[in-house]
PDB file of N, CA and C in Angstrom:
ATOM      1  N   UNK A   1       0.835  -1.181   0.000  1.00  0.00           N
ATOM      2  CA  UNK A   1       0.000   0.000   0.000  1.00  0.00           C
ATOM      3  C   UNK A   1       0.874   1.236   0.000  1.00  0.00           C
ATOM      4  N   UNK A   2       0.280   2.344  -0.290  1.00  0.00           N
ATOM      5  CA  UNK A   2       1.032   3.580  -0.470  1.00  0.00           C
ATOM      6  C   UNK A   2       1.546   4.184   0.828  1.00  0.00           C
ATOM      7  N   UNK A   3       0.959   3.842   1.958  1.00  0.00           N
ATOM      8  CA  UNK A   3       1.394   4.403   3.220  1.00  0.00           C
ATOM      9  C   UNK A   3       0.790   5.771   3.499  1.00  0.00           C
ATOM     10  N   UNK A   4      -0.061   6.256   2.609  1.00  0.00           N
ATOM     11  CA  UNK A   4      -0.667   7.563   2.862  1.00  0.00           C
ATOM     12  C   UNK A   4      -1.763   7.415   3.904  1.00  0.00           C
ATOM     13  N   UNK A   5      -1.982   8.452   4.637  1.00  0.00           N
ATOM     14  CA  UNK A   5      -2.989   8.439   5.696  1.00  0.00           C
ATOM     15  C   UNK A   5      -4.387   8.518   5.087  1.00  0.00           C
ATOM     16  N   UNK A   6      -5.315   7.838   5.720  1.00  0.00           N
ATOM     17  CA  UNK A   6      -6.720   7.929   5.316  1.00  0.00           C
ATOM     18  C   UNK A   6      -7.527   8.330   6.537  1.00  0.00           C
ATOM     19  N   UNK A   7      -8.629   8.979   6.291  1.00  0.00           N
ATOM     20  CA  UNK A   7      -9.478   9.431   7.384  1.00  0.00           C
ATOM     21  C   UNK A   7     -10.542   8.382   7.687  1.00  0.00           C
ATOM     22  N   UNK A   8     -11.146   8.515   8.841  1.00  0.00           N
ATOM     23  CA  UNK A   8     -12.249   7.628   9.206  1.00  0.00           C
ATOM     24  C   UNK A   8     -13.391   7.799   8.210  1.00  0.00           C
ATOM     25  N   UNK A   9     -13.633   9.029   7.774  1.00  0.00           N
ATOM     26  CA  UNK A   9     -14.704   9.274   6.795  1.00  0.00           C
ATOM     27  C   UNK A   9     -14.432   8.528   5.495  1.00  0.00           C
ATOM     28  N   UNK A  10     -13.186   8.497   5.058  1.00  0.00           N
ATOM     29  CA  UNK A  10     -12.838   7.767   3.838  1.00  0.00           C
ATOM     30  C   UNK A  10     -13.060   6.268   4.024  1.00  0.00           C
ATOM     31  N   UNK A  11     -12.652   5.758   5.162  1.00  0.00           N
ATOM     32  CA  UNK A  11     -12.837   4.335   5.424  1.00  0.00           C
ATOM     33  C   UNK A  11     -14.316   3.970   5.474  1.00  0.00           C
ATOM     34  N   UNK A  12     -15.114   4.796   6.110  1.00  0.00           N
ATOM     35  CA  UNK A  12     -16.550   4.530   6.181  1.00  0.00           C
ATOM     36  C   UNK A  12     -17.191   4.581   4.795  1.00  0.00           C
ATOM     37  N   UNK A  13     -16.804   5.553   3.988  1.00  0.00           N
ATOM     38  CA  UNK A  13     -17.355   5.671   2.632  1.00  0.00           C
ATOM     39  C   UNK A  13     -16.961   4.463   1.789  1.00  0.00           C
ATOM     40  N   UNK A  14     -15.706   4.032   1.895  1.00  0.00           N
ATOM     41  CA  UNK A  14     -15.256   2.860   1.142  1.00  0.00           C
ATOM     42  C   UNK A  14     -16.008   1.616   1.594  1.00  0.00           C
ATOM     43  N   UNK A  15     -16.218   1.478   2.887  1.00  0.00           N
ATOM     44  CA  UNK A  15     -16.951   0.319   3.413  1.00  0.00           C
ATOM     45  C   UNK A  15     -18.381   0.306   2.881  1.00  0.00           C
ATOM     46  N   UNK A  16     -18.994   1.473   2.748  1.00  0.00           N
ATOM     47  CA  UNK A  16     -20.359   1.540   2.204  1.00  0.00           C
ATOM     48  C   UNK A  16     -20.396   1.059   0.756  1.00  0.00           C
ATOM     49  N   UNK A  17     -19.409   1.460  -0.036  1.00  0.00           N
ATOM     50  CA  UNK A  17     -19.360   1.020  -1.436  1.00  0.00           C
ATOM     51  C   UNK A  17     -19.129  -0.489  -1.503  1.00  0.00           C
ATOM     52  N   UNK A  18     -18.198  -0.991  -0.702  1.00  0.00           N
ATOM     53  CA  UNK A  18     -17.946  -2.435  -0.695  1.00  0.00           C
ATOM     54  C   UNK A  18     -19.177  -3.197  -0.224  1.00  0.00           C
ATOM     55  N   UNK A  19     -19.887  -2.659   0.759  1.00  0.00           N
ATOM     56  CA  UNK A  19     -21.116  -3.292   1.234  1.00  0.00           C
ATOM     57  C   UNK A  19     -22.153  -3.332   0.121  1.00  0.00           C
ATOM     58  N   UNK A  20     -22.298  -2.235  -0.597  1.00  0.00           N
ATOM     59  CA  UNK A  20     -23.252  -2.166  -1.703  1.00  0.00           C
ATOM     60  C   UNK A  20     -22.907  -3.185  -2.789  1.00  0.00           C
ATOM     61  N   UNK A  21     -21.629  -3.309  -3.095  1.00  0.00           N
ATOM     62  CA  UNK A  21     -21.195  -4.221  -4.157  1.00  0.00           C
ATOM     63  C   UNK A  21     -21.038  -5.661  -3.676  1.00  0.00           C
ATOM     64  N   UNK A  22     -21.276  -5.916  -2.394  1.00  0.00           N
ATOM     65  CA  UNK A  22     -21.160  -7.286  -1.900  1.00  0.00           C
ATOM     66  C   UNK A  22     -22.339  -8.151  -2.348  1.00  0.00           C
ATOM     67  N   UNK A  23     -23.395  -7.528  -2.851  1.00  0.00           N
ATOM     68  CA  UNK A  23     -24.526  -8.282  -3.404  1.00  0.00           C
ATOM     69  C   UNK A  23     -24.158  -8.706  -4.827  1.00  0.00           C
ATOM     70  N   UNK A  24     -24.106 -10.009  -5.099  1.00  0.00           N
ATOM     71  CA  UNK A  24     -23.699 -10.473  -6.428  1.00  0.00           C
ATOM     72  C   UNK A  24     -24.503  -9.850  -7.577  1.00  0.00           C
ATOM     73  N   UNK A  25     -25.787  -9.623  -7.383  1.00  0.00           N
ATOM     74  CA  UNK A  25     -26.592  -9.037  -8.463  1.00  0.00           C
ATOM     75  C   UNK A  25     -26.146  -7.617  -8.754  1.00  0.00           C
ATOM     76  N   UNK A  26     -25.898  -6.825  -7.724  1.00  0.00           N
ATOM     77  CA  UNK A  26     -25.452  -5.443  -7.964  1.00  0.00           C
ATOM     78  C   UNK A  26     -24.078  -5.430  -8.614  1.00  0.00           C
ATOM     79  N   UNK A  27     -23.216  -6.322  -8.171  1.00  0.00           N
ATOM     80  CA  UNK A  27     -21.888  -6.421  -8.789  1.00  0.00           C
ATOM     81  C   UNK A  27     -22.020  -6.789 -10.264  1.00  0.00           C
ATOM     82  N   UNK A  28     -22.911  -7.727 -10.561  1.00  0.00           N
ATOM     83  CA  UNK A  28     -23.137  -8.150 -11.944  1.00  0.00           C
ATOM     84  C   UNK A  28     -23.720  -6.999 -12.768  1.00  0.00           C
ATOM     85  N   UNK A  29     -24.626  -6.222 -12.189  1.00  0.00           N
ATOM     86  CA  UNK A  29     -25.198  -5.079 -12.896  1.00  0.00           C
ATOM     87  C   UNK A  29     -24.112  -4.066 -13.265  1.00  0.00           C
ATOM     88  N   UNK A  30     -23.262  -3.752 -12.305  1.00  0.00           N
ATOM     89  CA  UNK A  30     -22.174  -2.792 -12.580  1.00  0.00           C
ATOM     90  C   UNK A  30     -21.265  -3.340 -13.670  1.00  0.00           C
ATOM     91  N   UNK A  31     -20.931  -4.623 -13.575  1.00  0.00           N
ATOM     92  CA  UNK A  31     -20.053  -5.219 -14.583  1.00  0.00           C
ATOM     93  C   UNK A  31     -20.720  -5.213 -15.958  1.00  0.00           C
ATOM     94  N   UNK A  32     -21.994  -5.506 -16.022  1.00  0.00           N
ATOM     95  CA  UNK A  32     -22.718  -5.492 -17.302  1.00  0.00           C
ATOM     96  C   UNK A  32     -22.762  -4.089 -17.892  1.00  0.00           C
ATOM     97  N   UNK A  33     -22.925  -3.093 -17.022  1.00  0.00           N
ATOM     98  CA  UNK A  33     -22.992  -1.714 -17.497  1.00  0.00           C
ATOM     99  C   UNK A  33     -21.632  -1.174 -17.933  1.00  0.00           C
ATOM    100  N   UNK A  34     -20.572  -1.885 -17.609  1.00  0.00           N
ATOM    101  CA  UNK A  34     -19.244  -1.476 -18.070  1.00  0.00           C
ATOM    102  C   UNK A  34     -19.178  -1.492 -19.595  1.00  0.00           C
ATOM    103  N   UNK A  35     -20.024  -2.313 -20.220  1.00  0.00           N
ATOM    104  CA  UNK A  35     -20.052  -2.412 -21.680  1.00  0.00           C
ATOM    105  C   UNK A  35     -20.816  -1.261 -22.319  1.00  0.00           C
ATOM    106  N   UNK A  36     -21.523  -0.465 -21.516  1.00  0.00           N
ATOM    107  CA  UNK A  36     -22.275   0.663 -22.047  1.00  0.00           C
ATOM    108  C   UNK A  36     -23.700   0.678 -21.526  1.00  0.00           C
ATOM    109  N   UNK A  37     -24.425   1.691 -21.938  1.00  0.00           N
ATOM    110  CA  UNK A  37     -25.806   1.874 -21.483  1.00  0.00           C
ATOM    111  C   UNK A  37     -26.683   0.682 -21.824  1.00  0.00           C
ATOM    112  N   UNK A  38     -27.578   0.356 -20.879  1.00  0.00           N
ATOM    113  CA  UNK A  38     -28.521  -0.737 -21.098  1.00  0.00           C
ATOM    114  C   UNK A  38     -29.804  -0.429 -20.351  1.00  0.00           C
ATOM    115  N   UNK A  39     -30.898  -1.003 -20.831  1.00  0.00           N
ATOM    116  CA  UNK A  39     -32.169  -0.824 -20.146  1.00  0.00           C
ATOM    117  C   UNK A  39     -32.372  -1.917 -19.108  1.00  0.00           C
ATOM    118  N   UNK A  40     -33.394  -1.735 -18.285  1.00  0.00           N
ATOM    119  CA  UNK A  40     -33.648  -2.642 -17.168  1.00  0.00           C
ATOM    120  C   UNK A  40     -33.949  -4.056 -17.661  1.00  0.00           C
ATOM    121  N   UNK A  41     -34.700  -4.165 -18.747  1.00  0.00           N
ATOM    122  CA  UNK A  41     -35.046  -5.495 -19.263  1.00  0.00           C
ATOM    123  C   UNK A  41     -33.798  -6.267 -19.661  1.00  0.00           C
ATOM    124  N   UNK A  42     -32.901  -5.624 -20.382  1.00  0.00           N
ATOM    125  CA  UNK A  42     -31.659  -6.267 -20.804  1.00  0.00           C
ATOM    126  C   UNK A  42     -30.814  -6.649 -19.593  1.00  0.00           C
ATOM    127  N   UNK A  43     -30.719  -5.736 -18.634  1.00  0.00           N
ATOM    128  CA  UNK A  43     -29.930  -6.010 -17.435  1.00  0.00           C
ATOM    129  C   UNK A  43     -30.519  -7.154 -16.626  1.00  0.00           C
ATOM    130  N   UNK A  44     -31.842  -7.210 -16.539  1.00  0.00           N
ATOM    131  CA  UNK A  44     -32.489  -8.310 -15.815  1.00  0.00           C
ATOM    132  C   UNK A  44     -32.173  -9.643 -16.486  1.00  0.00           C
ATOM    133  N   UNK A  45     -32.240  -9.675 -17.805  1.00  0.00           N
ATOM    134  CA  UNK A  45     -31.925 -10.906 -18.540  1.00  0.00           C
ATOM    135  C   UNK A  45     -30.479 -11.313 -18.324  1.00  0.00           C
ATOM    136  N   UNK A  46     -29.558 -10.354 -18.402  1.00  0.00           N
ATOM    137  CA  UNK A  46     -28.132 -10.664 -18.253  1.00  0.00           C
ATOM    138  C   UNK A  46     -27.779 -11.160 -16.858  1.00  0.00           C
ATOM    139  N   UNK A  47     -28.475 -10.624 -15.863  1.00  0.00           N
ATOM    140  CA  UNK A  47     -28.137 -10.994 -14.490  1.00  0.00           C
ATOM    141  C   UNK A  47     -28.996 -12.128 -13.956  1.00  0.00           C
ATOM    142  N   UNK A  48     -30.025 -12.511 -14.709  1.00  0.00           N
ATOM    143  CA  UNK A  48     -30.867 -13.632 -14.304  1.00  0.00           C
ATOM    144  C   UNK A  48     -31.834 -13.324 -13.178  1.00  0.00           C
ATOM    145  N   UNK A  49     -32.222 -12.058 -13.062  1.00  0.00           N
ATOM    146  CA  UNK A  49     -33.198 -11.676 -12.035  1.00  0.00           C
ATOM    147  C   UNK A  49     -34.430 -11.087 -12.717  1.00  0.00           C
ATOM    148  N   UNK A  50     -35.484 -10.908 -11.953  1.00  0.00           N
ATOM    149  CA  UNK A  50     -36.700 -10.307 -12.500  1.00  0.00           C
ATOM    150  C   UNK A  50     -36.472  -8.811 -12.746  1.00  0.00           C
ATOM    151  N   UNK A  51     -37.320  -8.236 -13.565  1.00  0.00           N
ATOM    152  CA  UNK A  51     -37.218  -6.799 -13.842  1.00  0.00           C
ATOM    153  C   UNK A  51     -37.407  -5.986 -12.557  1.00  0.00           C
ATOM    154  N   UNK A  52     -38.413  -6.313 -11.709  1.00  0.00           N
ATOM    155  CA  UNK A  52     -38.534  -5.552 -10.461  1.00  0.00           C
ATOM    156  C   UNK A  52     -37.293  -5.663  -9.563  1.00  0.00           C
ATOM    157  N   UNK A  53     -36.690  -6.845  -9.511  1.00  0.00           N
ATOM    158  CA  UNK A  53     -35.486  -7.018  -8.691  1.00  0.00           C
ATOM    159  C   UNK A  53     -34.334  -6.185  -9.258  1.00  0.00           C
ATOM    160  N   UNK A  54     -34.162  -6.213 -10.575  1.00  0.00           N
ATOM    161  CA  UNK A  54     -33.113  -5.407 -11.203  1.00  0.00           C
ATOM    162  C   UNK A  54     -33.347  -3.927 -10.926  1.00  0.00           C
ATOM    163  N   UNK A  55     -34.594  -3.494 -11.011  1.00  0.00           N
ATOM    164  CA  UNK A  55     -34.927  -2.091 -10.748  1.00  0.00           C
ATOM    165  C   UNK A  55     -34.576  -1.695  -9.319  1.00  0.00           C
ATOM    166  N   UNK A  56     -34.859  -2.575  -8.365  1.00  0.00           N
ATOM    167  CA  UNK A  56     -34.537  -2.271  -6.971  1.00  0.00           C
ATOM    168  C   UNK A  56     -33.029  -2.152  -6.758  1.00  0.00           C
ATOM    169  N   UNK A  57     -32.278  -3.056  -7.355  1.00  0.00           N
ATOM    170  CA  UNK A  57     -30.821  -2.990  -7.238  1.00  0.00           C
ATOM    171  C   UNK A  57     -30.276  -1.736  -7.919  1.00  0.00           C
ATOM    172  N   UNK A  58     -30.814  -1.406  -9.076  1.00  0.00           N
ATOM    173  CA  UNK A  58     -30.375  -0.204  -9.784  1.00  0.00           C
ATOM    174  C   UNK A  58     -30.691   1.054  -8.980  1.00  0.00           C
ATOM    175  N   UNK A  59     -31.816   1.058  -8.280  1.00  0.00           N
ATOM    176  CA  UNK A  59     -32.171   2.210  -7.443  1.00  0.00           C
ATOM    177  C   UNK A  59     -31.121   2.418  -6.346  1.00  0.00           C
ATOM    178  N   UNK A  60     -30.629   1.333  -5.772  1.00  0.00           N
ATOM    179  CA  UNK A  60     -29.598   1.440  -4.737  1.00  0.00           C
ATOM    180  C   UNK A  60     -28.284   1.947  -5.329  1.00  0.00           C
ATOM    181  N   UNK A  61     -27.941   1.439  -6.508  1.00  0.00           N
ATOM    182  CA  UNK A  61     -26.724   1.906  -7.174  1.00  0.00           C
ATOM    183  C   UNK A  61     -26.847   3.373  -7.577  1.00  0.00           C
ATOM    184  N   UNK A  62     -28.033   3.772  -7.979  1.00  0.00           N
ATOM    185  CA  UNK A  62     -28.279   5.170  -8.334  1.00  0.00           C
ATOM    186  C   UNK A  62     -28.151   6.060  -7.102  1.00  0.00           C
ATOM    187  N   UNK A  63     -28.749   5.648  -5.994  1.00  0.00           N
ATOM    188  CA  UNK A  63     -28.682   6.434  -4.758  1.00  0.00           C
ATOM    189  C   UNK A  63     -27.241   6.622  -4.290  1.00  0.00           C
ATOM    190  N   UNK A  64     -26.392   5.643  -4.576  1.00  0.00           N
ATOM    191  CA  UNK A  64     -24.981   5.722  -4.194  1.00  0.00           C
ATOM    192  C   UNK A  64     -24.149   6.509  -5.201  1.00  0.00           C
ATOM    193  N   UNK A  65     -24.754   6.907  -6.314  1.00  0.00           N
ATOM    194  CA  UNK A  65     -24.029   7.675  -7.327  1.00  0.00           C
ATOM    195  C   UNK A  65     -23.161   6.837  -8.238  1.00  0.00           C
ATOM    196  N   UNK A  66     -23.404   5.527  -8.254  1.00  0.00           N
ATOM    197  CA  UNK A  66     -22.592   4.638  -9.091  1.00  0.00           C
ATOM    198  C   UNK A  66     -23.148   4.556 -10.505  1.00  0.00           C
ATOM    199  N   UNK A  67     -24.470   4.573 -10.643  1.00  0.00           N
ATOM    200  CA  UNK A  67     -25.101   4.560 -11.961  1.00  0.00           C
ATOM    201  C   UNK A  67     -26.045   5.751 -12.091  1.00  0.00           C
ATOM    202  N   UNK A  68     -26.324   6.109 -13.329  1.00  0.00           N
ATOM    203  CA  UNK A  68     -27.243   7.198 -13.636  1.00  0.00           C
ATOM    204  C   UNK A  68     -28.189   6.735 -14.728  1.00  0.00           C
ATOM    205  N   UNK A  69     -29.475   7.009 -14.554  1.00  0.00           N
ATOM    206  CA  UNK A  69     -30.426   6.671 -15.612  1.00  0.00           C
ATOM    207  C   UNK A  69     -30.675   7.867 -16.530  1.00  0.00           C
ATOM    208  N   UNK A  70     -31.115   7.567 -17.717  1.00  0.00           N
ATOM    209  CA  UNK A  70     -31.629   8.610 -18.607  1.00  0.00           C
ATOM    210  C   UNK A  70     -32.775   8.004 -19.392  1.00  0.00           C
ATOM    211  N   UNK A  71     -33.743   8.814 -19.665  1.00  0.00           N
ATOM    212  CA  UNK A  71     -34.929   8.342 -20.367  1.00  0.00           C
ATOM    213  C   UNK A  71     -34.721   8.487 -21.870  1.00  0.00           C
ATOM    214  N   UNK A  72     -35.101   7.434 -22.571  1.00  0.00           N
ATOM    215  CA  UNK A  72     -35.096   7.444 -24.041  1.00  0.00           C
ATOM    216  C   UNK A  72     -36.442   6.884 -24.463  1.00  0.00           C
ATOM    217  N   UNK A  73     -37.369   7.769 -24.763  1.00  0.00           N
ATOM    218  CA  UNK A  73     -38.725   7.325 -25.067  1.00  0.00           C
ATOM    219  C   UNK A  73     -39.344   6.706 -23.836  1.00  0.00           C
ATOM    220  N   UNK A  74     -39.773   5.482 -23.951  1.00  0.00           N
ATOM    221  CA  UNK A  74     -40.378   4.779 -22.818  1.00  0.00           C
ATOM    222  C   UNK A  74     -39.354   4.001 -21.992  1.00  0.00           C
ATOM    223  N   UNK A  75     -38.140   3.908 -22.504  1.00  0.00           N
ATOM    224  CA  UNK A  75     -37.113   3.121 -21.810  1.00  0.00           C
ATOM    225  C   UNK A  75     -36.258   3.994 -20.897  1.00  0.00           C
ATOM    226  N   UNK A  76     -35.829   3.387 -19.833  1.00  0.00           N
ATOM    227  CA  UNK A  76     -34.877   4.003 -18.919  1.00  0.00           C
ATOM    228  C   UNK A  76     -33.538   3.301 -19.148  1.00  0.00           C
ATOM    229  N   UNK A  77     -32.556   4.037 -19.605  1.00  0.00           N
ATOM    230  CA  UNK A  77     -31.228   3.473 -19.848  1.00  0.00           C
ATOM    231  C   UNK A  77     -30.298   3.852 -18.697  1.00  0.00           C
ATOM    232  N   UNK A  78     -29.506   2.895 -18.275  1.00  0.00           N
ATOM    233  CA  UNK A  78     -28.569   3.118 -17.172  1.00  0.00           C
ATOM    234  C   UNK A  78     -27.150   3.059 -17.690  1.00  0.00           C
ATOM    235  N   UNK A  79     -26.278   3.812 -17.017  1.00  0.00           N
ATOM    236  CA  UNK A  79     -24.850   3.775 -17.322  1.00  0.00           C
ATOM    237  C   UNK A  79     -24.077   3.964 -16.031  1.00  0.00           C
ATOM    238  N   UNK A  80     -22.859   3.483 -16.004  1.00  0.00           N
ATOM    239  CA  UNK A  80     -21.991   3.679 -14.848  1.00  0.00           C
ATOM    240  C   UNK A  80     -21.453   5.097 -14.908  1.00  0.00           C
ATOM    241  N   UNK A  81     -21.618   5.828 -13.817  1.00  0.00           N
ATOM    242  CA  UNK A  81     -21.096   7.190 -13.762  1.00  0.00           C
ATOM    243  C   UNK A  81     -19.860   7.290 -12.878  1.00  0.00           C
ATOM    244  N   UNK A  82     -19.658   6.324 -12.013  1.00  0.00           N
ATOM    245  CA  UNK A  82     -18.507   6.347 -11.130  1.00  0.00           C
ATOM    246  C   UNK A  82     -17.443   5.399 -11.673  1.00  0.00           C
ATOM    247  N   UNK A  83     -16.552   5.947 -12.464  1.00  0.00           N
ATOM    248  CA  UNK A  83     -15.517   5.145 -13.109  1.00  0.00           C
ATOM    249  C   UNK A  83     -14.522   4.567 -12.100  1.00  0.00           C
ATOM    250  N   UNK A  84     -14.369   5.212 -10.962  1.00  0.00           N
ATOM    251  CA  UNK A  84     -13.449   4.668  -9.935  1.00  0.00           C
ATOM    252  C   UNK A  84     -13.983   3.356  -9.394  1.00  0.00           C
ATOM    253  N   UNK A  85     -15.289   3.306  -9.157  1.00  0.00           N
ATOM    254  CA  UNK A  85     -15.889   2.057  -8.674  1.00  0.00           C
ATOM    255  C   UNK A  85     -15.735   0.978  -9.733  1.00  0.00           C
ATOM    256  N   UNK A  86     -15.933   1.347 -10.982  1.00  0.00           N
ATOM    257  CA  UNK A  86     -15.773   0.389 -12.075  1.00  0.00           C
ATOM    258  C   UNK A  86     -14.335  -0.129 -12.127  1.00  0.00           C
ATOM    259  N   UNK A  87     -13.367   0.729 -11.878  1.00  0.00           N
ATOM    260  CA  UNK A  87     -11.959   0.301 -11.868  1.00  0.00           C
ATOM    261  C   UNK A  87     -11.699  -0.688 -10.732  1.00  0.00           C
ATOM    262  N   UNK A  88     -12.319  -0.462  -9.575  1.00  0.00           N
ATOM    263  CA  UNK A  88     -12.169  -1.387  -8.445  1.00  0.00           C
ATOM    264  C   UNK A  88     -12.781  -2.743  -8.796  1.00  0.00           C
ATOM    265  N   UNK A  89     -13.978  -2.717  -9.388  1.00  0.00           N
ATOM    266  CA  UNK A  89     -14.659  -3.961  -9.773  1.00  0.00           C
ATOM    267  C   UNK A  89     -13.818  -4.707 -10.808  1.00  0.00           C
ATOM    268  N   UNK A  90     -13.315  -3.999 -11.796  1.00  0.00           N
ATOM    269  CA  UNK A  90     -12.486  -4.620 -12.821  1.00  0.00           C
ATOM    270  C   UNK A  90     -11.230  -5.235 -12.208  1.00  0.00           C
ATOM    271  N   UNK A  91     -10.588  -4.503 -11.321  1.00  0.00           N
ATOM    272  CA  UNK A  91      -9.389  -5.023 -10.662  1.00  0.00           C
ATOM    273  C   UNK A  91      -9.667  -6.282  -9.856  1.00  0.00           C
ATOM    274  N   UNK A  92     -10.782  -6.275  -9.154  1.00  0.00           N
ATOM    275  CA  UNK A  92     -11.130  -7.442  -8.338  1.00  0.00           C
ATOM    276  C   UNK A  92     -11.439  -8.646  -9.218  1.00  0.00           C
ATOM    277  N   UNK A  93     -12.283  -8.440 -10.235  1.00  0.00           N
ATOM    278  CA  UNK A  93     -12.671  -9.569 -11.092  1.00  0.00           C
ATOM    279  C   UNK A  93     -11.500 -10.103 -11.908  1.00  0.00           C
ATOM    280  N   UNK A  94     -10.568  -9.231 -12.274  1.00  0.00           N
ATOM    281  CA  UNK A  94      -9.421  -9.711 -13.041  1.00  0.00           C
ATOM    282  C   UNK A  94      -8.447 -10.501 -12.168  1.00  0.00           C
ATOM    283  N   UNK A  95      -8.584 -10.381 -10.842  1.00  0.00           N
ATOM    284  CA  UNK A  95      -7.694 -11.128  -9.952  1.00  0.00           C
ATOM    285  C   UNK A  95      -8.295 -12.474  -9.544  1.00  0.00           C
ATOM    286  N   UNK A  96      -9.463 -12.795 -10.083  1.00  0.00           N
ATOM    287  CA  UNK A  96     -10.142 -14.057  -9.747  1.00  0.00           C
ATOM    288  C   UNK A  96     -10.321 -14.874 -11.019  1.00  0.00           C
ATOM    289  N   UNK A  97      -9.997 -16.145 -10.958  1.00  0.00           N
ATOM    290  CA  UNK A  97     -10.129 -16.994 -12.137  1.00  0.00           C
ATOM    291  C   UNK A  97     -11.609 -17.235 -12.434  1.00  0.00           C
ATOM    292  N   UNK A  98     -11.937 -17.699 -13.641  1.00  0.00           N
ATOM    293  CA  UNK A  98     -13.328 -17.982 -13.984  1.00  0.00           C
ATOM    294  C   UNK A  98     -13.973 -19.029 -13.068  1.00  0.00           C
ATOM    295  N   UNK A  99     -13.172 -19.803 -12.367  1.00  0.00           N
ATOM    296  CA  UNK A  99     -13.698 -20.822 -11.460  1.00  0.00           C
ATOM    297  C   UNK A  99     -13.901 -20.305 -10.050  1.00  0.00           C
ATOM    298  N   UNK A 100     -13.559 -19.029  -9.822  1.00  0.00           N
ATOM    299  CA  UNK A 100     -13.765 -18.423  -8.519  1.00  0.00           C
ATOM    300  C   UNK A 100     -12.573 -18.478  -7.600  1.00  0.00           C
ATOM    301  N   UNK A 101     -11.447 -18.941  -8.090  1.00  0.00           N
ATOM    302  CA  UNK A 101     -10.241 -19.007  -7.276  1.00  0.00           C
ATOM    303  C   UNK A 101      -9.355 -17.816  -7.601  1.00  0.00           C
ATOM    304  N   UNK A 102      -8.565 -17.369  -6.658  1.00  0.00           N
ATOM    305  CA  UNK A 102      -7.634 -16.284  -6.986  1.00  0.00           C
ATOM    306  C   UNK A 102      -6.765 -16.685  -8.182  1.00  0.00           C
ATOM    307  N   UNK A 103      -6.624 -15.756  -9.104  1.00  0.00           N
ATOM    308  CA  UNK A 103      -5.788 -16.010 -10.280  1.00  0.00           C
ATOM    309  C   UNK A 103      -4.321 -16.065  -9.836  1.00  0.00           C
ATOM    310  N   UNK A 104      -3.530 -16.871 -10.540  1.00  0.00           N
ATOM    311  CA  UNK A 104      -2.103 -16.974 -10.159  1.00  0.00           C
ATOM    312  C   UNK A 104      -1.362 -15.670 -10.386  1.00  0.00           C
TER     313      UNK A 104
END
């Protein structure tokens, strides 16, 4: 680690993000959105959850400032707005093999 000092507020904020992403569905939603904007129906299909469940998870990610929706006609499209969180998710997933074991 860098050895730089961190504040209690920083640690608490980081713990909140990690807590939010500890739900596999929310983690999967963020990872799916890394490919670009998608609507709730597509995200529900990709993550294997119902549309209402995907919407609830997206609402939590939105409240945390990780994703942002925009309306396009009747569809609500979501995108990742917090690129730092996406970098953390990418770093974590790239360190784990497809079988769930730490990569060598």
